[in-house]
Protein backbone atom coordinates (compact mmCIF):
# COMPACT_ATOMS: atom_id res chain seq x y z
CA UNK A 1 -90.45 93.07 21.52
CA UNK A 2 -88.68 94.45 18.42
CA UNK A 3 -85.36 96.20 19.09
CA UNK A 4 -85.08 99.86 18.09
CA UNK A 5 -83.26 100.50 14.85
CA UNK A 6 -79.74 101.94 15.09
CA UNK A 7 -79.75 105.57 13.92
CA UNK A 8 -76.83 106.34 11.66
CA UNK A 9 -75.04 109.46 10.42
CA UNK A 10 -72.90 108.98 7.29
CA UNK A 11 -70.22 111.61 6.73
CA UNK A 12 -69.00 111.39 3.15
CA UNK A 13 -72.05 109.52 1.91
CA UNK A 14 -71.32 109.85 -1.81
CA UNK A 15 -67.76 108.49 -1.64
CA UNK A 16 -66.77 104.84 -1.90
CA UNK A 17 -67.11 104.09 1.83
CA UNK A 18 -70.38 106.00 2.09
CA UNK A 19 -71.92 104.20 -0.87
CA UNK A 20 -70.86 100.81 0.50
CA UNK A 21 -72.21 101.73 3.93
CA UNK A 22 -75.61 102.55 2.50
CA UNK A 23 -75.54 99.30 0.50
CA UNK A 24 -75.16 97.33 3.74
CA UNK A 25 -77.79 99.47 5.48
CA UNK A 26 -80.27 98.83 2.65
CA UNK A 27 -79.92 95.09 3.21
CA UNK A 28 -81.07 95.47 6.83
CA UNK A 29 -83.92 98.01 7.01
CA UNK A 30 -85.05 96.40 10.25
CA UNK A 31 -81.72 97.20 11.91
CA UNK A 32 -80.67 100.63 10.65
CA UNK A 33 -82.22 104.05 10.12
CA UNK A 34 -80.34 106.81 8.28
CA UNK A 35 -80.52 110.00 10.33
CA UNK A 36 -78.19 112.27 8.33
CA UNK A 37 -75.99 112.23 5.22
CA UNK A 38 -73.24 114.54 4.02
CA UNK A 39 -71.33 115.21 0.81
CA UNK A 40 -69.05 117.98 -0.38
CA UNK A 41 -70.42 118.69 -3.84
CA UNK A 42 -71.87 115.53 -5.43
CA UNK A 43 -75.33 117.00 -5.18
CA UNK A 44 -77.21 114.75 -7.59
CA UNK A 45 -75.92 111.54 -6.01
CA UNK A 46 -76.74 112.88 -2.54
CA UNK A 47 -80.24 113.80 -3.72
CA UNK A 48 -80.77 110.23 -4.93
CA UNK A 49 -79.58 108.90 -1.55
CA UNK A 50 -81.92 111.25 0.30
CA UNK A 51 -84.85 110.16 -1.85
CA UNK A 52 -84.10 106.53 -1.03
CA UNK A 53 -83.16 106.69 2.67
CA UNK A 54 -85.12 109.81 3.70
CA UNK A 55 -82.67 111.18 6.29
CA UNK A 56 -83.70 114.00 8.57
CA UNK A 57 -80.66 116.10 7.55
CA UNK A 58 -78.35 116.43 4.55
CA UNK A 59 -75.20 118.55 4.67
CA UNK A 60 -73.19 119.87 1.71
CA UNK A 61 -70.07 121.99 1.47
CA UNK A 62 -71.45 125.32 0.23
CA UNK A 63 -74.57 127.47 0.11
CA UNK A 64 -74.69 127.06 -3.67
CA UNK A 65 -74.67 123.27 -3.34
CA UNK A 66 -77.35 123.52 -0.65
CA UNK A 67 -79.59 125.56 -2.97
CA UNK A 68 -79.15 123.00 -5.74
CA UNK A 69 -79.82 120.07 -3.38
CA UNK A 70 -82.88 121.77 -1.90
CA UNK A 71 -84.36 122.26 -5.35
CA UNK A 72 -83.82 118.60 -6.29
CA UNK A 73 -85.35 117.39 -3.02
CA UNK A 74 -88.42 119.58 -3.41
CA UNK A 75 -88.94 118.18 -6.91
CA UNK A 76 -88.88 114.63 -5.51
CA UNK A 77 -91.08 115.46 -2.51
CA UNK A 78 -88.30 114.61 -0.03
CA UNK A 79 -88.63 116.50 3.27
CA UNK A 80 -84.96 116.27 4.30
CA UNK A 81 -83.59 119.48 5.89
CA UNK A 82 -80.58 120.80 3.94
CA UNK A 83 -77.64 122.42 5.74
CA UNK A 84 -74.26 123.69 4.54
CA UNK A 85 -70.75 124.19 5.86
CA UNK A 86 -68.30 122.89 8.43
CA UNK A 87 -70.42 123.81 11.47
CA UNK A 88 -73.34 121.84 10.05
CA UNK A 89 -71.07 118.79 9.71
CA UNK A 90 -70.17 119.02 13.38
CA UNK A 91 -73.84 119.47 14.25
CA UNK A 92 -74.99 116.25 12.57
CA UNK A 93 -71.97 114.39 13.95
CA UNK A 94 -73.10 115.12 17.50
CA UNK A 95 -76.90 114.80 17.17
CA UNK A 96 -78.38 113.51 20.41
CA UNK A 97 -80.51 110.99 18.49
CA UNK A 98 -77.56 109.48 16.63
CA UNK A 99 -76.27 106.09 17.76
CA UNK A 100 -73.37 105.78 15.33
CA UNK A 101 -71.38 108.01 12.97
CA UNK A 102 -69.62 106.68 9.87
CA UNK A 103 -66.62 109.02 9.54
CA UNK A 104 -65.75 108.67 5.84
CA UNK A 105 -64.76 112.19 4.80
CA UNK A 106 -61.36 111.93 3.10
CA UNK A 107 -58.38 113.89 4.40
CA UNK A 108 -57.95 116.62 6.99
CA UNK A 109 -61.48 117.93 6.29
CA UNK A 110 -62.84 114.96 8.22
CA UNK A 111 -61.00 115.69 11.47
CA UNK A 112 -63.32 118.19 13.13
CA UNK A 113 -66.65 116.41 12.48
CA UNK A 114 -65.13 113.09 13.53
CA UNK A 115 -63.83 114.67 16.73
CA UNK A 116 -67.28 116.17 17.32
CA UNK A 117 -68.77 112.66 17.18
CA UNK A 118 -66.16 111.41 19.64
CA UNK A 119 -66.82 114.27 22.06
CA UNK A 120 -70.54 113.43 21.89
CA UNK A 121 -69.68 109.89 23.02
CA UNK A 122 -70.91 108.22 19.84
CA UNK A 123 -70.08 104.87 18.33
CA UNK A 124 -67.62 106.12 15.70
CA UNK A 125 -66.92 103.99 12.65
CA UNK A 126 -63.55 105.40 11.65
CA UNK A 127 -62.79 105.39 7.93
CA UNK A 128 -60.94 108.72 8.09
CA UNK A 129 -57.39 107.64 8.97
CA UNK A 130 -56.16 111.23 8.81
CA UNK A 131 -57.91 111.99 12.11
CA UNK A 132 -55.46 109.72 13.90
CA UNK A 133 -52.49 110.56 11.69
CA UNK A 134 -52.84 114.29 12.32
CA UNK A 135 -54.07 114.29 15.89
CA UNK A 136 -53.43 110.85 17.36
CA UNK A 137 -52.75 111.80 21.01
CA UNK A 138 -55.46 114.49 21.06
CA UNK A 139 -58.00 112.22 19.36
CA UNK A 140 -57.43 109.17 21.58
CA UNK A 141 -57.53 111.31 24.72
CA UNK A 142 -61.00 112.51 23.68
CA UNK A 143 -62.13 108.93 22.94
CA UNK A 144 -61.22 107.89 26.49
CA UNK A 145 -62.55 111.06 28.11
CA UNK A 146 -65.97 110.80 26.46
CA UNK A 147 -66.38 106.98 26.52
CA UNK A 148 -66.79 106.91 22.75
CA UNK A 149 -66.67 103.55 20.98
CA UNK A 150 -64.09 103.56 18.19
CA UNK A 151 -64.35 100.86 15.52
CA UNK A 152 -61.87 100.94 12.60
CA UNK A 153 -63.19 100.63 9.05
CA UNK A 154 -59.91 100.39 7.14
CA UNK A 155 -59.79 96.72 6.13
CA UNK A 156 -56.36 96.32 7.73
CA UNK A 157 -57.22 97.83 11.10
CA UNK A 158 -60.57 96.10 11.15
CA UNK A 159 -58.71 92.82 10.57
CA UNK A 160 -56.33 93.59 13.43
CA UNK A 161 -59.28 94.47 15.68
CA UNK A 162 -60.84 91.09 14.90
CA UNK A 163 -57.54 89.23 15.40
CA UNK A 164 -56.56 90.76 18.76
CA UNK A 165 -57.74 89.23 22.05
CA UNK A 166 -61.41 89.93 22.69
CA UNK A 167 -60.71 92.20 25.67
CA UNK A 168 -57.43 93.67 24.42
CA UNK A 169 -56.20 96.14 27.04
CA UNK A 170 -53.82 98.14 24.89
CA UNK A 171 -50.80 96.45 26.48
CA UNK A 172 -49.06 94.07 24.08
CA UNK A 173 -47.06 92.16 26.66
CA UNK A 174 -49.93 91.45 29.04
CA UNK A 175 -52.00 90.17 26.12
CA UNK A 176 -49.27 87.96 24.68
CA UNK A 177 -49.06 89.95 21.44
CA UNK A 178 -45.66 90.08 19.76
CA UNK A 179 -46.33 92.27 16.73
CA UNK A 180 -48.83 93.54 14.17
CA UNK A 181 -48.49 92.55 10.50
CA UNK A 182 -50.13 95.09 8.18
CA UNK A 183 -50.69 93.67 4.72
CA UNK A 184 -50.44 95.78 1.57
CA UNK A 185 -51.27 94.93 -2.03
CA UNK A 186 -48.31 96.91 -3.33
CA UNK A 187 -50.64 98.87 -5.61
CA UNK A 188 -50.58 99.00 -9.41
CA UNK A 189 -46.83 99.77 -9.72
CA UNK A 190 -45.35 97.08 -7.48
CA UNK A 191 -43.33 95.68 -10.38
CA UNK A 192 -43.12 98.75 -12.63
CA UNK A 193 -39.53 99.80 -13.40
CA UNK A 194 -38.64 102.89 -11.36
CA UNK A 195 -37.62 104.68 -14.56
CA UNK A 196 -41.23 104.46 -15.81
CA UNK A 197 -42.85 106.06 -12.75
CA UNK A 198 -42.25 109.59 -14.01
CA UNK A 199 -44.71 108.93 -16.83
CA UNK A 200 -47.55 107.49 -14.71
CA UNK A 201 -50.91 109.17 -15.37
CA UNK A 202 -53.67 109.82 -12.80
CA UNK A 203 -55.82 107.23 -14.61
CA UNK A 204 -53.12 104.58 -14.18
CA UNK A 205 -52.53 105.46 -10.54
CA UNK A 206 -56.25 105.23 -9.76
CA UNK A 207 -56.62 101.78 -11.37
CA UNK A 208 -56.05 99.65 -8.26
CA UNK A 209 -55.66 95.93 -9.07
CA UNK A 210 -57.91 94.71 -6.23
CA UNK A 211 -59.90 97.47 -4.54
CA UNK A 212 -62.43 100.04 -5.78
CA UNK A 213 -61.55 103.29 -4.01
CA UNK A 214 -61.65 107.06 -4.38
CA UNK A 215 -59.01 108.91 -6.39
CA UNK A 216 -56.96 110.28 -3.50
CA UNK A 217 -56.71 107.00 -1.59
CA UNK A 218 -55.97 105.17 -4.85
CA UNK A 219 -52.94 107.39 -5.44
CA UNK A 220 -51.89 106.87 -1.82
CA UNK A 221 -52.06 103.14 -2.40
CA UNK A 222 -49.92 103.48 -5.53
CA UNK A 223 -47.21 105.38 -3.59
CA UNK A 224 -47.76 103.22 -0.47
CA UNK A 225 -48.33 106.38 1.55
CA UNK A 226 -51.67 104.82 2.38
CA UNK A 227 -49.84 102.03 4.18
CA UNK A 228 -47.59 104.55 5.91
CA UNK A 229 -50.63 106.42 7.20
CA UNK A 230 -52.04 103.08 8.36
CA UNK A 231 -48.87 102.37 10.34
CA UNK A 232 -49.41 105.64 12.21
CA UNK A 233 -53.11 104.86 12.64
CA UNK A 234 -52.33 101.38 14.03
CA UNK A 235 -49.87 102.90 16.50
CA UNK A 236 -52.62 105.06 18.03
CA UNK A 237 -55.53 102.65 17.70
CA UNK A 238 -53.80 99.71 19.36
CA UNK A 239 -51.06 101.41 21.42
CA UNK A 240 -48.36 99.57 19.47
CA UNK A 241 -44.78 100.94 19.16
CA UNK A 242 -43.60 101.46 15.56
CA UNK A 243 -40.96 98.74 15.79
CA UNK A 244 -43.74 96.20 16.42
CA UNK A 245 -45.70 97.15 13.29
CA UNK A 246 -44.43 95.42 10.16
CA UNK A 247 -45.72 95.94 6.63
CA UNK A 248 -45.98 92.85 4.42
CA UNK A 249 -46.83 93.05 0.72
CA UNK A 250 -49.54 90.54 -0.15
CA UNK A 251 -50.64 91.07 -3.78
CA UNK A 252 -53.87 89.03 -3.60
CA UNK A 253 -55.40 91.23 -0.83
CA UNK A 254 -57.05 88.18 0.72
CA UNK A 255 -55.37 88.36 4.14
CA UNK A 256 -56.25 91.82 5.39
CA UNK A 257 -53.81 91.85 8.31
CA UNK A 258 -52.42 89.58 11.03
CA UNK A 259 -51.49 89.53 14.71
CA UNK A 260 -48.52 87.47 15.87
CA UNK A 261 -48.54 86.12 19.43
CA UNK A 262 -45.75 85.23 21.86
CA UNK A 263 -46.39 81.49 21.45
CA UNK A 264 -45.72 81.68 17.70
CA UNK A 265 -49.36 81.71 16.64
CA UNK A 266 -50.40 84.12 13.90
CA UNK A 267 -54.10 84.98 13.67
CA UNK A 268 -55.30 86.51 10.41
CA UNK A 269 -58.59 87.80 9.03
CA UNK A 270 -59.31 86.75 5.44
CA UNK A 271 -61.95 87.70 2.93
CA UNK A 272 -62.52 88.95 -0.58
CA UNK A 273 -61.37 92.57 -1.06
CA UNK A 274 -64.71 94.25 -0.45
CA UNK A 275 -65.14 97.15 1.99
CA UNK A 276 -68.64 96.00 2.87
CA UNK A 277 -67.10 93.32 5.12
CA UNK A 278 -65.45 95.69 7.63
CA UNK A 279 -68.37 98.10 7.32
CA UNK A 280 -70.90 95.40 8.21
CA UNK A 281 -68.69 94.18 11.05
CA UNK A 282 -68.58 97.65 12.59
CA UNK A 283 -72.23 98.49 11.98
CA UNK A 284 -73.51 95.36 13.71
CA UNK A 285 -70.72 94.93 16.29
CA UNK A 286 -70.59 92.69 18.29
CA UNK A 287 -72.97 90.71 16.05
CA UNK A 288 -72.39 89.53 12.47
CA UNK A 289 -74.70 90.33 9.57
CA UNK A 290 -74.84 89.66 5.83
CA UNK A 291 -72.81 92.23 3.89
CA UNK A 292 -73.61 91.06 0.36
CA UNK A 293 -69.99 89.97 -0.12
CA UNK A 294 -69.11 86.97 -2.32
CA UNK A 295 -67.80 84.07 -0.19
CA UNK A 296 -64.05 83.50 -0.29
CA UNK A 297 -63.01 80.56 -2.49
CA UNK A 298 -59.49 79.61 -1.41
CA UNK A 299 -59.31 76.72 -3.86
CA UNK A 300 -59.90 79.09 -6.76
CA UNK A 301 -57.24 81.49 -5.45
CA UNK A 302 -54.79 78.60 -5.13
CA UNK A 303 -51.86 80.39 -3.51
CA UNK A 304 -51.07 83.42 -1.37
CA UNK A 305 -47.83 85.36 -1.84
CA UNK A 306 -45.87 87.66 0.44
CA UNK A 307 -42.83 89.91 0.11
CA UNK A 308 -41.08 92.65 2.04
CA UNK A 309 -41.67 96.24 0.88
CA UNK A 310 -38.83 98.04 -0.87
CA UNK A 311 -38.35 101.39 0.91
CA UNK A 312 -36.39 102.74 -2.07
CA UNK A 313 -39.23 101.97 -4.47
CA UNK A 314 -41.79 103.21 -1.92
CA UNK A 315 -40.10 106.12 -0.08
CA UNK A 316 -43.47 107.36 1.21
CA UNK A 317 -43.59 104.34 3.53
CA UNK A 318 -40.17 105.24 4.92
CA UNK A 319 -41.24 108.86 5.41
CA UNK A 320 -44.30 107.78 7.40
CA UNK A 321 -42.20 105.69 9.80
CA UNK A 322 -39.81 108.63 10.19
CA UNK A 323 -42.64 111.07 10.91
CA UNK A 324 -44.09 108.72 13.51
CA UNK A 325 -40.67 108.46 15.18
CA UNK A 326 -40.34 112.27 15.23
CA UNK A 327 -43.78 112.65 16.81
CA UNK A 328 -45.27 116.04 17.63
CA UNK A 329 -46.44 117.86 14.52
CA UNK A 330 -44.47 115.67 12.07
CA UNK A 331 -47.35 113.27 11.21
CA UNK A 332 -49.68 116.23 10.58
CA UNK A 333 -47.04 117.78 8.32
CA UNK A 334 -46.61 114.46 6.50
CA UNK A 335 -50.34 114.20 5.88
CA UNK A 336 -50.74 117.82 4.73
CA UNK A 337 -47.77 117.61 2.35
CA UNK A 338 -49.10 114.38 0.90
CA UNK A 339 -52.55 115.86 0.29
CA UNK A 340 -51.04 118.84 -1.52
CA UNK A 341 -48.69 116.67 -3.59
CA UNK A 342 -51.42 114.19 -4.56
CA UNK A 343 -53.76 117.04 -5.50
CA UNK A 344 -51.04 118.49 -7.75
CA UNK A 345 -50.49 115.08 -9.36
CA UNK A 346 -54.21 114.55 -9.99
CA UNK A 347 -54.35 118.05 -11.51
CA UNK A 348 -51.48 116.99 -13.82
CA UNK A 349 -49.16 119.65 -12.38
CA UNK A 350 -46.69 117.21 -10.80
CA UNK A 351 -45.11 113.97 -11.96
CA UNK A 352 -46.05 110.87 -9.97
CA UNK A 353 -42.47 110.11 -8.95
CA UNK A 354 -42.07 113.61 -7.45
CA UNK A 355 -44.74 113.09 -4.79
CA UNK A 356 -42.28 111.66 -2.20
CA UNK A 357 -39.77 114.48 -2.71
CA UNK A 358 -42.46 117.11 -2.10
CA UNK A 359 -43.34 115.40 1.17
CA UNK A 360 -39.72 114.98 2.25
CA UNK A 361 -38.82 118.60 1.54
CA UNK A 362 -41.92 119.82 3.38
CA UNK A 363 -40.98 117.71 6.40
CA UNK A 364 -37.53 119.35 6.35
CA UNK A 365 -38.81 122.90 5.88
CA UNK A 366 -41.96 123.02 8.01
CA UNK A 367 -41.34 123.84 11.71
CA UNK A 368 -41.67 121.00 14.23
CA UNK A 369 -43.88 121.66 17.25
CA UNK A 370 -45.44 119.88 20.19
CA UNK A 371 -49.08 118.88 19.72
CA UNK A 372 -51.19 119.30 22.85
CA UNK A 373 -54.59 120.27 21.47
CA UNK A 374 -56.60 120.66 18.26
CA UNK A 375 -55.36 124.22 17.71
CA UNK A 376 -51.78 122.91 17.63
CA UNK A 377 -52.80 120.30 15.06
CA UNK A 378 -54.58 122.77 12.80
CA UNK A 379 -51.71 125.27 13.03
CA UNK A 380 -49.23 122.57 11.98
CA UNK A 381 -51.54 121.51 9.15
CA UNK A 382 -51.92 125.07 7.84
CA UNK A 383 -48.19 125.79 8.00
CA UNK A 384 -47.36 122.51 6.24
CA UNK A 385 -49.86 123.16 3.44
CA UNK A 386 -48.35 126.60 2.83
CA UNK A 387 -44.86 125.11 2.72
CA UNK A 388 -45.91 122.20 0.49
CA UNK A 389 -47.63 124.53 -1.99
CA UNK A 390 -44.46 126.62 -2.18
CA UNK A 391 -42.43 123.48 -2.84
CA UNK A 392 -44.86 122.31 -5.53
CA UNK A 393 -44.94 125.76 -7.16
CA UNK A 394 -41.14 125.82 -7.27
CA UNK A 395 -41.15 122.44 -9.02
CA UNK A 396 -43.79 123.28 -11.63
CA UNK A 397 -42.73 126.89 -12.34
CA UNK A 398 -41.38 127.22 -15.89
CA UNK A 399 -37.61 127.69 -16.10
């Protein structure tokens, strides 16, 4: 008897993670069926995806985008139902027919639909790290309450997941785990003189040496805020205290992360830097399937290098550890301030080396609060964005 295909919802289908997810899905038409796709405003790319995968639903960010998508789909004879807006995202995330939801919407915008999938008890493939950064305690409480399955897609957290004991209980000591080692490439400016960072352009910041990623996450990698957010994400995913999470710069991006055990063993997950590996792992879990990734040739690589991160060169990493230590609303404030600062940089309104100072000043100025529910999270996010915009405006206003 042939097993039923897994029905998949892809949030953020036109971004890097979404495109790679659909590449893996296309390699296994006997295993996966695309139930719904979403995109903010890349209408033509989404129309092409709908024509190929024929989902039941497609969601875009606005009514205007929905009208444009509907017209393109009618021209191609595609019968996909087009929806628009935030409520529609939550609707497709919690469809009764859905088996799994790829949560790949970048930034705070991905929190609510991802939480909707968790509350519906879905298998959630988590590529939106901001959901845990902003709302870690609230999010994980909902995962446990609704028996959702949470599988990390970030290459680092996916590597940790694979390297932990099979039935990891969330208690380091009882599982013999000493610490988590999060690897980082160091980004494109690992060896750039600090005096040159003020002149970095968005094009330079988005030219990652190893990975192909979206613009926002590429800038985060260049500032190492991405790694700071991943420290916070690892804390919530694996119930690991901050002092047991260490960042190690590994320029080759071959070792994706490691787990050190009490007996001195270190277990690592290796592979070429290709997001299809963690995506395929999560899609087929607990099985393994072909991801289309080139096999790793260690002899060609020759050597693997490691170094400690410089917190003065990468102050965003320091700020993330500090926000995690503060707890409450601080991580949500950190994330909001970073999104505003990165947006200003990409819009050429802010120098690259000013991103950390915008975040630090916002953390000082925005009020700290306890976070007990989603309303608390969203209130902290809104307040931090207002503060961060004021800080940015003060920096860019002509003298």
